[in-house]
Amino acid sequence: MREVIPAPVRGLDLHREYGHHQSPAIRAGGMVFCSGMVAIDPQSGERQHGTVTSEARRIFENLKLLLGSTGSSLDRLVQVHAMIYDRIEYDVLNRLYRQYVPTSPPARTVMSMQIEAGFRVMLEVIAAAETRQPAAMIYPRQVVEPGGWRRPGLPLSPAIRAGDFVFLSGMTATDPTTGAPVRGTVAAETRQILTNMGELLEAAGSSLAKVVKVNALIYSMLEYENMNSVYREFFPVDPPARTICGAGLIGGHKVEIECVARA
């Protein structure tokens, strides 16, 4: 079943306000998939440009309205894509972000991107849907955090298992035992990430063979084939759906990869 979620207040209908060809949110498969959201006055639809902090606060308040209208909430978020205009604002975003997801945060990927209309922040989220069925029918949300995988100080969980899916945070090349960065070529970082990804999926009760969607970020699209040559080793047949784009990555990494897999 696929259900369009209408805007709970007039200003959040960006199709009506600005002609964006999108629905505010879609409920399907026990999840609520929200369109990318920027800082908009929820009553008037007026754009509210400001600092990273003020824009992110407005977006989170609007997400509370939108998710609340579906019976879900911020504490049922399973995955967040956070887009900021400049990676130098990463810590600024994190300070505000922690106020809205203080415990058991969702899987998350942050990227430096050009955002429409000159905004500084855009958030795209997926949340586990609530149902009006008996408790046994409510889709559970479970943080998957095996020893050594937690990234200290960051408001994210390595993986979230919800319903039939596992959502992984964006992964960079790290030593799985110490958490220390592993620097190298695009090929070397890709191999380290996908190896770690396989281990984390196994800990969540899934596997690389069950991956349905991959988003991959690389620091330069000139490295596309260097990444692909390694990627094919891990997904040799019937590869998952995938998107690759060039982006400014946090911490000087060359590659970051996230995925969604069947549980």
Protein backbone atom coordinates (compact mmCIF):
# COMPACT_ATOMS: atom_id res chain seq x y z
CA MET A 1 0.00 0.00 0.00
CA ARG A 2 1.26 3.49 -0.92
CA GLU A 3 -0.38 6.46 0.74
CA VAL A 4 0.30 10.14 0.04
CA ILE A 5 0.57 12.16 3.27
CA PRO A 6 -0.86 15.67 2.75
CA ALA A 7 0.75 18.70 4.36
CA PRO A 8 -0.74 19.16 7.86
CA VAL A 9 -0.50 22.95 7.47
CA ARG A 10 -0.77 25.10 4.35
CA GLY A 11 2.81 26.35 4.19
CA LEU A 12 4.40 22.88 4.06
CA ASP A 13 2.81 22.06 0.72
CA LEU A 14 5.74 23.07 -1.51
CA HIS A 15 3.88 21.86 -4.58
CA ARG A 16 1.22 24.49 -3.99
CA GLU A 17 3.62 27.17 -2.73
CA TYR A 18 6.49 26.85 -5.21
CA GLY A 19 5.46 24.33 -7.84
CA HIS A 20 7.75 21.57 -6.55
CA HIS A 21 6.53 18.34 -8.14
CA GLN A 22 6.49 16.28 -4.93
CA SER A 23 4.32 15.09 -2.09
CA PRO A 24 5.23 16.13 1.47
CA ALA A 25 5.55 12.48 2.46
CA ILE A 26 4.63 8.96 1.39
CA ARG A 27 3.72 6.10 3.74
CA ALA A 28 4.63 2.65 2.40
CA GLY A 29 5.96 -0.63 3.77
CA GLY A 30 5.67 0.47 7.37
CA MET A 31 7.79 3.59 6.74
CA VAL A 32 7.17 7.29 6.18
CA PHE A 33 9.37 8.76 3.42
CA CYS A 34 9.56 12.57 3.63
CA SER A 35 10.63 14.89 0.83
CA GLY A 36 13.74 16.96 1.44
CA MET A 37 12.72 19.83 3.71
CA VAL A 38 14.11 23.36 3.91
CA ALA A 39 13.29 26.19 6.32
CA ILE A 40 9.73 27.27 5.50
CA ASP A 41 7.21 29.11 7.65
CA PRO A 42 4.61 26.35 8.17
CA GLN A 43 1.67 28.75 8.07
CA SER A 44 2.57 31.13 5.25
CA GLY A 45 5.05 29.06 3.23
CA GLU A 46 7.52 31.95 3.31
CA ARG A 47 11.16 30.94 2.96
CA GLN A 48 13.12 31.55 6.15
CA HIS A 49 16.76 31.94 5.20
CA GLY A 50 19.12 32.22 8.14
CA THR A 51 22.04 30.53 9.83
CA VAL A 52 22.60 26.77 9.79
CA THR A 53 21.28 26.72 13.36
CA SER A 54 18.09 28.69 12.68
CA GLU A 55 17.30 26.86 9.44
CA ALA A 56 17.86 23.43 11.00
CA ARG A 57 15.66 24.35 13.98
CA ARG A 58 12.81 25.40 11.70
CA ILE A 59 13.15 22.21 9.66
CA PHE A 60 13.01 20.00 12.74
CA GLU A 61 9.94 21.84 14.05
CA ASN A 62 8.27 21.35 10.66
CA LEU A 63 9.21 17.68 10.63
CA LYS A 64 7.52 17.32 14.01
CA LEU A 65 4.34 18.67 12.45
CA LEU A 66 4.57 16.48 9.35
CA LEU A 67 5.50 13.25 11.13
CA GLY A 68 2.98 13.94 13.89
CA SER A 69 0.24 14.09 11.28
CA THR A 70 1.10 10.51 10.28
CA GLY A 71 1.19 9.19 13.85
CA SER A 72 4.99 9.04 13.80
CA SER A 73 7.56 11.31 15.49
CA LEU A 74 11.20 12.36 15.59
CA ASP A 75 12.04 9.54 17.99
CA ARG A 76 10.99 7.08 15.27
CA LEU A 77 13.43 8.41 12.68
CA VAL A 78 15.46 5.61 11.12
CA GLN A 79 17.56 7.51 8.56
CA VAL A 80 18.50 11.15 7.96
CA HIS A 81 20.25 12.75 5.00
CA ALA A 82 21.57 16.12 6.14
CA MET A 83 22.72 18.47 3.39
CA ILE A 84 24.65 21.62 4.33
CA TYR A 85 26.02 24.32 2.06
CA ASP A 86 29.55 24.08 3.51
CA ARG A 87 31.20 21.26 5.47
CA ILE A 88 32.79 23.88 7.75
CA GLU A 89 29.32 24.08 9.38
CA TYR A 90 29.34 20.39 10.38
CA ASP A 91 29.84 20.98 14.11
CA VAL A 92 27.29 23.82 14.09
CA LEU A 93 24.69 21.45 12.63
CA ASN A 94 25.56 18.76 15.16
CA ARG A 95 24.98 21.05 18.14
CA LEU A 96 21.43 21.80 17.05
CA TYR A 97 20.82 18.26 15.81
CA ARG A 98 21.51 16.79 19.27
CA GLN A 99 18.68 18.87 20.75
CA TYR A 100 16.13 17.10 18.56
CA VAL A 101 17.56 13.56 18.60
CA PRO A 102 19.24 13.40 22.04
CA THR A 103 19.12 9.63 22.48
CA SER A 104 19.19 6.58 20.18
CA PRO A 105 19.76 8.75 17.09
CA PRO A 106 18.91 7.47 13.61
CA ALA A 107 21.37 6.39 10.95
CA ARG A 108 22.69 9.52 9.27
CA THR A 109 24.77 10.83 6.39
CA VAL A 110 25.94 14.46 6.20
CA MET A 111 27.13 15.95 2.92
CA SER A 112 28.15 19.34 1.58
CA MET A 113 25.89 20.15 -1.37
CA GLN A 114 24.42 23.05 -3.31
CA ILE A 115 20.88 23.52 -2.00
CA GLU A 116 18.01 25.12 -3.91
CA ALA A 117 17.06 28.77 -3.40
CA GLY A 118 20.22 29.57 -1.44
CA PHE A 119 19.30 27.63 1.70
CA ARG A 120 22.05 26.48 4.03
CA VAL A 121 20.41 23.25 5.22
CA MET A 122 18.11 20.56 3.86
CA LEU A 123 17.00 17.44 5.74
CA GLU A 124 15.52 14.34 4.14
CA VAL A 125 14.21 11.71 6.56
CA ILE A 126 12.63 8.28 6.78
CA ALA A 127 10.71 7.30 9.90
CA ALA A 128 9.10 4.11 11.13
CA ALA A 129 5.35 4.50 10.81
CA GLU A 130 3.02 4.14 13.73
CA THR A 131 -0.15 2.18 13.15
CA ARG A 132 -3.48 2.18 14.84
CA GLN A 133 -3.28 -1.59 15.11
CA PRO A 134 -2.59 -3.58 18.30
CA ALA A 135 0.90 -3.16 19.79
CA ALA A 136 2.10 -6.37 18.15
CA MET A 137 1.51 -4.74 14.76
CA ILE A 138 3.53 -1.57 15.43
CA TYR A 139 6.76 -1.48 13.47
CA PRO A 140 9.67 -1.69 15.95
CA ARG A 141 12.73 0.54 15.79
CA GLN A 142 15.96 -0.99 17.08
CA VAL A 143 19.40 0.62 17.33
CA VAL A 144 22.12 -1.75 16.12
CA GLU A 145 25.34 -0.82 17.88
CA PRO A 146 27.84 -3.69 18.12
CA GLY A 147 31.00 -3.11 20.13
CA GLY A 148 33.49 -0.82 18.43
CA TRP A 149 31.05 0.61 15.87
CA ARG A 150 29.84 3.61 17.84
CA ARG A 151 31.32 6.91 16.62
CA PRO A 152 31.92 8.82 19.89
CA GLY A 153 30.59 12.33 20.03
CA LEU A 154 28.46 12.08 16.89
CA PRO A 155 24.64 12.13 17.06
CA LEU A 156 24.06 9.03 14.96
CA SER A 157 23.71 5.28 15.30
CA PRO A 158 25.72 2.88 13.11
CA ALA A 159 22.53 1.15 12.00
CA ILE A 160 18.80 1.13 12.67
CA ARG A 161 16.63 -1.93 12.15
CA ALA A 162 12.97 -1.11 11.56
CA GLY A 163 10.28 -3.30 10.08
CA ASP A 164 11.73 -5.30 7.21
CA PHE A 165 14.77 -3.07 6.70
CA VAL A 166 18.18 -2.14 8.07
CA PHE A 167 19.37 1.45 7.53
CA LEU A 168 23.11 2.14 7.79
CA SER A 169 24.71 5.50 8.46
CA GLY A 170 27.17 6.83 5.92
CA MET A 171 30.39 4.89 6.44
CA THR A 172 33.92 6.15 5.82
CA ALA A 173 37.07 4.05 5.82
CA THR A 174 37.90 3.20 9.44
CA ASP A 175 39.62 0.47 11.39
CA PRO A 176 36.67 -1.54 12.78
CA THR A 177 38.57 -2.33 15.98
CA THR A 178 39.90 1.11 16.92
CA GLY A 179 37.63 3.39 14.90
CA ALA A 180 40.69 5.22 13.57
CA PRO A 181 40.47 6.60 10.02
CA VAL A 182 42.08 4.52 7.29
CA ARG A 183 43.37 6.90 4.62
CA GLY A 184 44.17 5.73 1.13
CA THR A 185 43.14 5.80 -2.49
CA VAL A 186 39.51 5.78 -3.52
CA ALA A 187 39.87 2.06 -4.29
CA ALA A 188 41.42 1.29 -0.89
CA GLU A 189 38.86 3.32 1.05
CA THR A 190 36.00 1.73 -0.91
CA ARG A 191 37.28 -1.76 -0.10
CA GLN A 192 37.60 -0.94 3.61
CA ILE A 193 34.11 0.57 3.75
CA LEU A 194 32.39 -2.33 2.00
CA THR A 195 34.23 -4.86 4.15
CA ASN A 196 33.08 -3.02 7.28
CA MET A 197 29.59 -2.66 5.85
CA GLY A 198 29.31 -6.41 5.37
CA GLU A 199 30.31 -7.00 9.00
CA LEU A 200 27.86 -4.41 10.34
CA LEU A 201 25.02 -5.83 8.26
CA GLU A 202 25.78 -9.31 9.58
CA ALA A 203 25.59 -7.94 13.14
CA ALA A 204 22.18 -6.50 12.27
CA GLY A 205 20.94 -9.85 10.94
CA SER A 206 21.34 -8.90 7.28
CA SER A 207 24.09 -9.11 4.65
CA LEU A 208 25.50 -7.46 1.54
CA ALA A 209 23.41 -9.89 -0.51
CA LYS A 210 20.27 -8.28 0.96
CA VAL A 211 21.21 -4.67 0.16
CA VAL A 212 18.50 -2.96 -1.87
CA LYS A 213 19.82 0.62 -2.17
CA VAL A 214 23.26 2.23 -1.99
CA ASN A 215 24.16 5.92 -1.92
CA ALA A 216 27.86 6.56 -2.54
CA LEU A 217 29.67 9.88 -2.24
CA ILE A 218 33.14 10.45 -3.66
CA TYR A 219 35.27 13.56 -3.46
CA SER A 220 35.72 13.69 -7.24
CA MET A 221 33.67 12.13 -10.01
CA LEU A 222 36.95 11.60 -11.88
CA GLU A 223 37.40 8.66 -9.49
CA TYR A 224 34.13 7.00 -10.56
CA GLU A 225 35.73 4.00 -12.28
CA ASN A 226 38.28 3.50 -9.51
CA MET A 227 35.41 3.08 -7.07
CA ASN A 228 33.43 0.88 -9.47
CA SER A 229 36.30 -1.55 -9.94
CA VAL A 230 36.23 -2.41 -6.23
CA TYR A 231 32.44 -2.13 -5.87
CA ARG A 232 31.94 -4.89 -8.44
CA GLU A 233 33.93 -7.30 -6.24
CA PHE A 234 31.36 -6.96 -3.44
CA PHE A 235 28.24 -6.95 -5.67
CA PRO A 236 29.27 -9.20 -8.58
CA VAL A 237 25.75 -10.09 -9.75
CA ASP A 238 22.33 -8.44 -9.49
CA PRO A 239 23.71 -5.33 -7.76
CA PRO A 240 21.43 -3.11 -5.67
CA ALA A 241 19.94 0.15 -6.85
CA ARG A 242 22.58 2.83 -6.50
CA THR A 243 23.27 6.56 -6.69
CA ILE A 244 26.78 8.04 -6.88
CA CYS A 245 27.61 11.73 -6.75
CA GLY A 246 30.55 13.98 -6.02
CA ALA A 247 30.34 15.80 -2.70
CA GLY A 248 32.41 17.61 -0.12
CA LEU A 249 33.04 14.95 2.52
CA ILE A 250 33.60 15.58 6.21
CA GLY A 251 37.04 14.85 7.68
CA GLY A 252 39.00 14.70 4.46
CA HIS A 253 37.74 11.27 3.42
CA LYS A 254 37.61 10.36 -0.26
CA VAL A 255 34.58 8.03 -0.07
CA GLU A 256 31.44 7.65 2.03
CA ILE A 257 28.81 4.96 1.46
CA GLU A 258 25.44 4.25 3.05
CA CYS A 259 22.89 1.56 2.32
CA VAL A 260 19.46 0.13 3.03
CA ALA A 261 19.09 -3.66 3.23
CA ARG A 262 16.35 -6.16 3.90
CA ALA A 263 16.50 -7.39 7.47
